[in-house]
Amino acid sequence: MNTQSFNNEISLAEQAEALGRQALKLGLIPSFTVHHFPDSWEFYIPNDKSEALSPEQAYLRLKKLLEKSHSK
């Protein structure tokens, strides 16, 4: 997987959203939702306790999921 760079919370959230789209295309997750608020983003990934994830949590979880799928 390509190395991604981010300098602030917005670019991190954008990267997490891109990883979510990639995981969705690969069929690793059935769907995901991103709520955009003026001061934050919340990510929801099905089958993950239905809790809102921060951009950092979503990025790490999705990156791990994609890395695991590439190693198979």
N, C-alpha and C. Protein backbone atom coordinates (compact mmCIF):
# COMPACT_ATOMS: atom_id res chain seq x y z
N MET A 1 0.84 -1.17 0.00
CA MET A 1 0.00 0.00 0.00
C MET A 1 0.88 1.23 0.00
N ASN A 2 0.42 2.29 -0.65
CA ASN A 2 1.20 3.52 -0.71
C ASN A 2 1.27 4.19 0.64
N THR A 3 2.36 4.87 0.90
CA THR A 3 2.50 5.63 2.12
C THR A 3 1.72 6.92 1.96
N GLN A 4 0.87 7.21 2.91
CA GLN A 4 0.05 8.41 2.86
C GLN A 4 0.63 9.44 3.82
N SER A 5 0.49 10.70 3.46
CA SER A 5 0.97 11.74 4.36
C SER A 5 -0.19 12.66 4.70
N PHE A 6 -0.18 13.14 5.89
CA PHE A 6 -1.18 14.11 6.32
C PHE A 6 -0.54 15.04 7.33
N ASN A 7 -0.98 16.28 7.28
CA ASN A 7 -0.38 17.31 8.12
C ASN A 7 -1.34 17.85 9.18
N ASN A 8 -2.61 17.55 9.03
CA ASN A 8 -3.59 18.08 9.98
C ASN A 8 -4.78 17.13 10.06
N GLU A 9 -5.72 17.45 10.92
CA GLU A 9 -6.87 16.57 11.14
C GLU A 9 -7.72 16.41 9.88
N ILE A 10 -7.85 17.45 9.10
CA ILE A 10 -8.68 17.36 7.89
C ILE A 10 -8.05 16.40 6.88
N SER A 11 -6.75 16.50 6.66
CA SER A 11 -6.13 15.59 5.69
C SER A 11 -6.14 14.16 6.21
N LEU A 12 -6.04 13.97 7.53
CA LEU A 12 -6.15 12.63 8.11
C LEU A 12 -7.55 12.08 7.90
N ALA A 13 -8.57 12.89 8.13
CA ALA A 13 -9.95 12.46 7.91
C ALA A 13 -10.19 12.13 6.44
N GLU A 14 -9.64 12.92 5.54
CA GLU A 14 -9.78 12.64 4.11
C GLU A 14 -9.12 11.32 3.74
N GLN A 15 -7.97 11.03 4.33
CA GLN A 15 -7.29 9.75 4.08
C GLN A 15 -8.11 8.59 4.62
N ALA A 16 -8.69 8.77 5.80
CA ALA A 16 -9.54 7.72 6.38
C ALA A 16 -10.75 7.47 5.49
N GLU A 17 -11.32 8.52 4.95
CA GLU A 17 -12.47 8.38 4.06
C GLU A 17 -12.05 7.64 2.78
N ALA A 18 -10.89 7.95 2.25
CA ALA A 18 -10.39 7.26 1.05
C ALA A 18 -10.14 5.78 1.34
N LEU A 19 -9.59 5.47 2.50
CA LEU A 19 -9.38 4.06 2.87
C LEU A 19 -10.72 3.34 3.01
N GLY A 20 -11.72 4.03 3.54
CA GLY A 20 -13.05 3.45 3.65
C GLY A 20 -13.64 3.13 2.29
N ARG A 21 -13.48 4.04 1.33
CA ARG A 21 -13.96 3.78 -0.04
C ARG A 21 -13.23 2.59 -0.66
N GLN A 22 -11.94 2.50 -0.41
CA GLN A 22 -11.15 1.39 -0.94
C GLN A 22 -11.59 0.07 -0.32
N ALA A 23 -11.80 0.04 0.99
CA ALA A 23 -12.26 -1.17 1.67
C ALA A 23 -13.64 -1.57 1.18
N LEU A 24 -14.48 -0.59 0.90
CA LEU A 24 -15.82 -0.85 0.38
C LEU A 24 -15.75 -1.47 -1.01
N LYS A 25 -14.90 -0.93 -1.89
CA LYS A 25 -14.72 -1.47 -3.24
C LYS A 25 -14.22 -2.91 -3.22
N LEU A 26 -13.36 -3.21 -2.26
CA LEU A 26 -12.80 -4.56 -2.16
C LEU A 26 -13.73 -5.53 -1.45
N GLY A 27 -14.86 -5.04 -0.96
CA GLY A 27 -15.81 -5.89 -0.28
C GLY A 27 -15.40 -6.27 1.13
N LEU A 28 -14.50 -5.51 1.73
CA LEU A 28 -14.04 -5.81 3.09
C LEU A 28 -15.02 -5.32 4.14
N ILE A 29 -15.79 -4.31 3.80
CA ILE A 29 -16.85 -3.80 4.67
C ILE A 29 -18.09 -3.60 3.81
N PRO A 30 -19.29 -3.81 4.38
CA PRO A 30 -20.50 -3.66 3.58
C PRO A 30 -20.87 -2.20 3.33
N SER A 31 -20.47 -1.31 4.24
CA SER A 31 -20.76 0.12 4.10
C SER A 31 -20.00 0.89 5.16
N PHE A 32 -19.98 2.18 5.03
CA PHE A 32 -19.45 3.04 6.08
C PHE A 32 -20.09 4.41 5.92
N THR A 33 -20.15 5.13 7.02
CA THR A 33 -20.79 6.44 7.03
C THR A 33 -19.82 7.44 7.65
N VAL A 34 -19.78 8.61 7.07
CA VAL A 34 -18.96 9.69 7.62
C VAL A 34 -19.89 10.88 7.87
N HIS A 35 -19.92 11.34 9.10
CA HIS A 35 -20.68 12.54 9.44
C HIS A 35 -19.70 13.70 9.52
N HIS A 36 -19.95 14.71 8.71
CA HIS A 36 -19.10 15.90 8.68
C HIS A 36 -19.76 16.98 9.53
N PHE A 37 -19.06 17.45 10.54
CA PHE A 37 -19.51 18.55 11.36
C PHE A 37 -18.51 19.69 11.20
N PRO A 38 -18.88 20.90 11.54
CA PRO A 38 -17.95 22.03 11.38
C PRO A 38 -16.61 21.83 12.10
N ASP A 39 -16.64 21.14 13.23
CA ASP A 39 -15.40 21.00 13.99
C ASP A 39 -14.89 19.56 14.12
N SER A 40 -15.57 18.61 13.49
CA SER A 40 -15.11 17.21 13.58
C SER A 40 -15.77 16.34 12.52
N TRP A 41 -15.20 15.16 12.35
CA TRP A 41 -15.75 14.13 11.47
C TRP A 41 -15.95 12.89 12.32
N GLU A 42 -17.05 12.17 12.11
CA GLU A 42 -17.30 10.92 12.80
C GLU A 42 -17.46 9.82 11.76
N PHE A 43 -16.81 8.70 11.99
CA PHE A 43 -16.86 7.56 11.09
C PHE A 43 -17.61 6.42 11.75
N TYR A 44 -18.47 5.76 10.99
CA TYR A 44 -19.19 4.59 11.46
C TYR A 44 -18.90 3.45 10.49
N ILE A 45 -18.38 2.36 11.01
CA ILE A 45 -18.09 1.17 10.20
C ILE A 45 -18.96 0.05 10.75
N PRO A 46 -19.80 -0.58 9.92
CA PRO A 46 -20.67 -1.64 10.42
C PRO A 46 -19.89 -2.76 11.09
N ASN A 47 -20.53 -3.44 11.99
CA ASN A 47 -19.96 -4.57 12.74
C ASN A 47 -18.81 -4.13 13.64
N ASP A 48 -18.72 -2.87 13.94
CA ASP A 48 -17.68 -2.36 14.84
C ASP A 48 -18.31 -1.69 16.05
N LYS A 49 -19.17 -2.39 16.74
CA LYS A 49 -19.80 -1.91 17.97
C LYS A 49 -20.68 -0.68 17.75
N SER A 50 -20.88 -0.27 16.51
CA SER A 50 -21.72 0.88 16.17
C SER A 50 -21.34 2.15 16.92
N GLU A 51 -20.08 2.29 17.26
CA GLU A 51 -19.61 3.50 17.92
C GLU A 51 -19.02 4.45 16.88
N ALA A 52 -19.15 5.72 17.17
CA ALA A 52 -18.51 6.72 16.30
C ALA A 52 -17.01 6.63 16.50
N LEU A 53 -16.28 6.65 15.40
CA LEU A 53 -14.82 6.61 15.45
C LEU A 53 -14.27 7.98 15.07
N SER A 54 -13.20 8.36 15.70
CA SER A 54 -12.51 9.58 15.32
C SER A 54 -11.78 9.31 14.00
N PRO A 55 -11.34 10.35 13.32
CA PRO A 55 -10.57 10.13 12.09
C PRO A 55 -9.34 9.25 12.34
N GLU A 56 -8.66 9.45 13.47
CA GLU A 56 -7.48 8.64 13.78
C GLU A 56 -7.84 7.17 13.94
N GLN A 57 -8.91 6.90 14.70
CA GLN A 57 -9.34 5.52 14.92
C GLN A 57 -9.77 4.86 13.62
N ALA A 58 -10.54 5.59 12.82
CA ALA A 58 -11.01 5.04 11.54
C ALA A 58 -9.83 4.76 10.61
N TYR A 59 -8.89 5.69 10.53
CA TYR A 59 -7.72 5.52 9.67
C TYR A 59 -6.95 4.26 10.06
N LEU A 60 -6.67 4.11 11.35
CA LEU A 60 -5.88 2.96 11.81
C LEU A 60 -6.63 1.65 11.60
N ARG A 61 -7.92 1.63 11.88
CA ARG A 61 -8.71 0.41 11.72
C ARG A 61 -8.81 0.01 10.24
N LEU A 62 -9.08 0.98 9.38
CA LEU A 62 -9.21 0.67 7.95
C LEU A 62 -7.86 0.31 7.33
N LYS A 63 -6.81 0.99 7.74
CA LYS A 63 -5.48 0.67 7.22
C LYS A 63 -5.09 -0.75 7.59
N LYS A 64 -5.35 -1.14 8.84
CA LYS A 64 -5.06 -2.49 9.30
C LYS A 64 -5.87 -3.52 8.51
N LEU A 65 -7.14 -3.24 8.28
CA LEU A 65 -8.01 -4.13 7.51
C LEU A 65 -7.49 -4.30 6.09
N LEU A 66 -7.09 -3.21 5.46
CA LEU A 66 -6.57 -3.29 4.09
C LEU A 66 -5.24 -4.00 4.03
N GLU A 67 -4.36 -3.75 4.99
CA GLU A 67 -3.07 -4.43 5.01
C GLU A 67 -3.26 -5.93 5.20
N LYS A 68 -4.19 -6.30 6.05
CA LYS A 68 -4.48 -7.71 6.30
C LYS A 68 -5.00 -8.38 5.02
N SER A 69 -5.82 -7.67 4.26
CA SER A 69 -6.38 -8.25 3.02
C SER A 69 -5.30 -8.40 1.94
N HIS A 70 -4.31 -7.50 1.94
CA HIS A 70 -3.23 -7.58 0.94
C HIS A 70 -2.23 -8.66 1.26
N SER A 71 -2.17 -9.06 2.53
CA SER A 71 -1.19 -10.08 2.92
C SER A 71 -1.71 -11.51 2.70
N LYS A 72 -2.97 -11.63 2.32
CA LYS A 72 -3.54 -12.98 2.09
C LYS A 72 -3.10 -13.54 0.77
